Structures are given as C-alpha cells and as structure tokens.
C-alpha atoms as a PDB file:
ATOM      1  CA  MET A   1       0.066  -0.102   0.146  1.00  0.00           C
ATOM      2  CA  SER A   2       1.323   3.393  -0.526  1.00  0.00           C
ATOM      3  CA  PHE A   3       2.225   6.214   1.590  1.00  0.00           C
ATOM      4  CA  LEU A   4      -0.716   8.196   1.131  1.00  0.00           C
ATOM      5  CA  GLY A   5      -3.033   4.866   1.147  1.00  0.00           C
ATOM      6  CA  LYS A   6      -1.672   4.192   4.679  1.00  0.00           C
ATOM      7  CA  ILE A   7      -2.405   7.636   5.518  1.00  0.00           C
ATOM      8  CA  PHE A   8      -6.007   7.731   4.474  1.00  0.00           C
ATOM      9  CA  ARG A   9      -7.021   4.496   6.215  1.00  0.00           C
ATOM     10  CA  LYS A  10      -5.659   6.348   9.487  1.00  0.00           C
ATOM     11  CA  PHE A  11      -7.850   9.424   8.801  1.00  0.00           C
ATOM     12  CA  ALA A  12     -10.672   6.674   8.237  1.00  0.00           C
ATOM     13  CA  TRP A  13      -9.917   4.542  11.469  1.00  0.00           C
ATOM     14  CA  ALA A  14      -9.825   8.656  13.277  1.00  0.00           C
ATOM     15  CA  LEU A  15     -13.168   9.186  12.048  1.00  0.00           C
ATOM     16  CA  SER A  16     -14.822   5.739  12.315  1.00  0.00           C
ATOM     17  CA  GLY A  17     -14.178   6.299  16.328  1.00  0.00           C
ATOM     18  CA  PHE A  18     -15.185  10.108  15.745  1.00  0.00           C
ATOM     19  CA  ILE A  19     -18.283   8.658  14.692  1.00  0.00           C
ATOM     20  CA  THR A  20     -18.693   6.045  17.342  1.00  0.00           C
ATOM     21  CA  VAL A  21     -18.096   8.549  20.154  1.00  0.00           C
ATOM     22  CA  LEU A  22     -20.741  10.785  18.554  1.00  0.00           C
ATOM     23  CA  LYS A  23     -23.325   7.873  18.111  1.00  0.00           C
ATOM     24  CA  GLU A  24     -22.784   6.699  21.630  1.00  0.00           C
ATOM     25  CA  GLU A  25     -21.703   8.878  23.834  1.00  0.00           C
ATOM     26  CA  ASN A  26     -24.688  11.532  24.749  1.00  0.00           C
ATOM     27  CA  SER A  27     -22.696  14.096  26.208  1.00  0.00           C
ATOM     28  CA  PHE A  28     -20.244  14.438  23.512  1.00  0.00           C
ATOM     29  CA  ILE A  29     -23.223  15.798  21.877  1.00  0.00           C
ATOM     30  CA  PHE A  30     -23.258  18.745  24.464  1.00  0.00           C
ATOM     31  CA  TYR A  31     -19.886  19.305  23.639  1.00  0.00           C
ATOM     32  CA  VAL A  32     -20.375  19.358  19.832  1.00  0.00           C
ATOM     33  CA  ILE A  33     -23.132  22.223  20.613  1.00  0.00           C
ATOM     34  CA  VAL A  34     -20.889  23.827  22.903  1.00  0.00           C
ATOM     35  CA  GLY A  35     -17.963  24.099  19.766  1.00  0.00           C
ATOM     36  CA  VAL A  36     -20.547  25.899  17.363  1.00  0.00           C
ATOM     37  CA  GLY A  37     -21.837  28.138  20.258  1.00  0.00           C
ATOM     38  CA  LEU A  38     -17.703  28.970  20.944  1.00  0.00           C
ATOM     39  CA  LEU A  39     -17.516  29.173  17.554  1.00  0.00           C
ATOM     40  CA  ILE A  40     -20.030  32.030  16.831  1.00  0.00           C
ATOM     41  CA  LEU A  41     -19.425  33.634  20.301  1.00  0.00           C
ATOM     42  CA  SER A  42     -15.328  33.601  18.704  1.00  0.00           C
ATOM     43  CA  ILE A  43     -16.099  35.435  15.650  1.00  0.00           C
ATOM     44  CA  ILE A  44     -18.713  38.158  17.590  1.00  0.00           C
ATOM     45  CA  GLY A  45     -15.112  38.373  19.962  1.00  0.00           C
ATOM     46  CA  SER A  46     -13.175  38.922  16.926  1.00  0.00           C
ATOM     47  CA  VAL A  47     -15.545  41.424  15.077  1.00  0.00           C
ATOM     48  CA  PHE A  48     -17.034  43.333  17.943  1.00  0.00           C
ATOM     49  CA  TRP A  49     -14.378  42.842  20.804  1.00  0.00           C
ATOM     50  CA  ASN A  50     -11.036  42.563  19.011  1.00  0.00           C
ATOM     51  CA  MET A  51     -10.213  39.255  19.643  1.00  0.00           C
ATOM     52  CA  GLN A  52      -6.664  38.186  19.125  1.00  0.00           C
ATOM     53  CA  GLY A  53      -5.161  35.345  17.409  1.00  0.00           C
ATOM     54  CA  TYR A  54      -3.629  33.749  20.964  1.00  0.00           C
ATOM     55  CA  GLU A  55      -7.003  34.574  22.456  1.00  0.00           C
ATOM     56  CA  TRP A  56      -8.991  32.086  19.795  1.00  0.00           C
ATOM     57  CA  ALA A  57      -5.645  29.798  20.485  1.00  0.00           C
ATOM     58  CA  ILE A  58      -6.252  29.829  24.211  1.00  0.00           C
ATOM     59  CA  VAL A  59     -10.027  29.049  23.956  1.00  0.00           C
ATOM     60  CA  TRP A  60      -9.530  26.418  20.875  1.00  0.00           C
ATOM     61  CA  GLY A  61      -6.963  24.850  22.698  1.00  0.00           C
ATOM     62  CA  VAL A  62      -8.591  24.464  25.762  1.00  0.00           C
ATOM     63  CA  TYR A  63     -11.687  23.141  24.093  1.00  0.00           C
ATOM     64  CA  GLY A  64      -9.908  20.633  22.084  1.00  0.00           C
ATOM     65  CA  THR A  65      -8.414  19.240  25.397  1.00  0.00           C
ATOM     66  CA  VAL A  66     -11.763  18.772  26.791  1.00  0.00           C
ATOM     67  CA  VAL A  67     -13.315  17.208  23.798  1.00  0.00           C
ATOM     68  CA  ALA A  68      -9.840  14.504  23.409  1.00  0.00           C
ATOM     69  CA  PHE A  69     -10.453  13.956  27.550  1.00  0.00           C
ATOM     70  CA  GLU A  70     -14.132  12.910  26.191  1.00  0.00           C
ATOM     71  CA  PHE A  71     -12.503  11.031  23.820  1.00  0.00           C
ATOM     72  CA  ILE A  72     -10.073   9.258  26.393  1.00  0.00           C
ATOM     73  CA  ASN A  73     -12.844   8.759  28.815  1.00  0.00           C
ATOM     74  CA  THR A  74     -14.855   6.587  26.811  1.00  0.00           C
ATOM     75  CA  LEU A  75     -11.683   4.574  25.700  1.00  0.00           C
ATOM     76  CA  VAL A  76     -11.583   3.440  29.130  1.00  0.00           C
ATOM     77  CA  GLU A  77     -14.734   3.180  29.515  1.00  0.00           C
ATOM     78  CA  ASN A  78     -14.939   0.782  26.826  1.00  0.00           C
ATOM     79  CA  LEU A  79     -11.631  -0.837  27.710  1.00  0.00           C
ATOM     80  CA  VAL A  80     -13.116  -1.608  31.270  1.00  0.00           C
ATOM     81  CA  ASP A  81     -16.078  -2.974  30.053  1.00  0.00           C
ATOM     82  CA  ILE A  82     -14.269  -5.337  27.741  1.00  0.00           C
ATOM     83  CA  ILE A  83     -12.066  -6.642  30.947  1.00  0.00           C
ATOM     84  CA  SER A  84     -14.964  -6.777  33.622  1.00  0.00           C
ATOM     85  CA  PHE A  85     -17.739  -8.404  32.580  1.00  0.00           C
ATOM     86  CA  GLU A  86     -19.302  -8.362  35.340  1.00  0.00           C
ATOM     87  CA  TYR A  87     -19.962  -5.857  38.126  1.00  0.00           C
ATOM     88  CA  ASN A  88     -16.674  -4.812  39.729  1.00  0.00           C
ATOM     89  CA  ILE A  89     -15.875  -2.129  42.301  1.00  0.00           C
ATOM     90  CA  SER A  90     -12.471  -1.277  40.560  1.00  0.00           C
ATOM     91  CA  ALA A  91     -13.969  -1.097  37.250  1.00  0.00           C
ATOM     92  CA  LYS A  92     -16.395   1.210  38.946  1.00  0.00           C
ATOM     93  CA  LYS A  93     -13.589   3.236  40.181  1.00  0.00           C
ATOM     94  CA  ILE A  94     -11.846   3.727  37.242  1.00  0.00           C
ATOM     95  CA  LYS A  95     -14.701   4.764  34.980  1.00  0.00           C
ATOM     96  CA  ASP A  96     -15.740   6.817  37.861  1.00  0.00           C
ATOM     97  CA  ILE A  97     -11.937   8.736  37.680  1.00  0.00           C
ATOM     98  CA  GLY A  98     -11.907   9.273  34.475  1.00  0.00           C
ATOM     99  CA  ALA A  99     -15.092  11.058  34.523  1.00  0.00           C
ATOM    100  CA  ALA A 100     -13.751  13.111  37.177  1.00  0.00           C
ATOM    101  CA  ALA A 101     -10.847  13.828  35.213  1.00  0.00           C
ATOM    102  CA  THR A 102     -13.092  14.641  32.548  1.00  0.00           C
ATOM    103  CA  LEU A 103     -15.406  16.721  34.668  1.00  0.00           C
ATOM    104  CA  PHE A 104     -12.308  18.656  36.187  1.00  0.00           C
ATOM    105  CA  ASN A 105     -10.958  19.171  32.498  1.00  0.00           C
ATOM    106  CA  ALA A 106     -14.451  21.001  31.586  1.00  0.00           C
ATOM    107  CA  LEU A 107     -14.416  23.209  34.367  1.00  0.00           C
ATOM    108  CA  VAL A 108     -10.758  24.173  33.819  1.00  0.00           C
ATOM    109  CA  ALA A 109     -11.639  25.047  30.570  1.00  0.00           C
ATOM    110  CA  THR A 110     -14.529  26.903  31.280  1.00  0.00           C
ATOM    111  CA  THR A 111     -13.214  29.074  33.396  1.00  0.00           C
ATOM    112  CA  VAL A 112     -10.058  29.879  31.584  1.00  0.00           C
ATOM    113  CA  ILE A 113     -12.811  30.672  28.505  1.00  0.00           C
ATOM    114  CA  LEU A 114     -15.102  33.106  30.952  1.00  0.00           C
ATOM    115  CA  ILE A 115     -11.759  34.753  31.413  1.00  0.00           C
ATOM    116  CA  ILE A 116     -10.806  35.332  28.142  1.00  0.00           C
ATOM    117  CA  PHE A 117     -13.964  36.318  27.503  1.00  0.00           C
ATOM    118  CA  ILE A 118     -15.018  38.101  30.220  1.00  0.00           C
ATOM    119  CA  SER A 119     -11.717  40.857  29.876  1.00  0.00           C
ATOM    120  CA  LEU A 120     -12.647  41.294  25.730  1.00  0.00           C
ATOM    121  CA  ILE A 121     -15.069  42.459  27.174  1.00  0.00           C
ATOM    122  CA  VAL A 122     -14.215  44.598  29.881  1.00  0.00           C
ATOM    123  CA  ARG A 123     -11.439  45.674  27.338  1.00  0.00           C
ATOM    124  CA  THR A 124     -13.667  46.994  24.957  1.00  0.00           C
ATOM    125  CA  TYR A 125     -16.564  48.305  27.148  1.00  0.00           C
ATOM    126  CA  GLY A 126     -15.049  48.934  30.274  1.00  0.00           C
END
C-alpha cells in the first residue's frame, strides 16, 4: 500500500472512532453544541471585541483538550467493559476517576474561556 493510502486509512479509522463516540456518547453531543457556540462567540469576539489570535488559540486549545479528554474517557470506559464482564468495584472506580478527570478538565476550560471573554468585554466597554 502506498504512503498516501496508509495515511488515508488512518484518517478513516479516526473518523470511524469519531462517529462511534458521536453515536454512543450523549455528552459528546453537548460538546459539539458547545463548540458551535464557541465558534459563534469567537467570531463575535473578533468582530466586536477585537479578539486576538492568541485568544482564539487559547479558547480552542482548552476546548480541544476537553474533547480529547472525552474521547479518552470513552476509550477507558469501553476498555473496562471488555475486561470486566460483571459488576466490579475496581471497574467502577476506574470509570468514575475517568469521568472526574473529564469533568475537572471541563471546569478548568470553562474558567479559562470565561476569563478570556469577560476580559474582552471589559477591555472593550470598561
């Protein structure tokens, strides 16, 4: 198989994983909606509040981290389901810790994004 063919297959597998998460994880739909909202808010920020490139990078960097955490958490949950066929307190702890890491990351990202957008508004109107 050619080099480009191998790369194309890797992208196809990644797209398949993305579609799987989109279908199976209800919370991921929320992240997609948040992403659309962030895009709209970022455009508004650029047009009306003089949002800079580094601010775009920070907003989308922390958003991307949250989405990546959700992918990893989904991977961990599915892996635990494969390994542990019956209820297992250790499996529950693993899943809970993965969910806690995802939640913590989302809270930190929300805080960073709020700081950026609030500072944009204050810088413009304050």
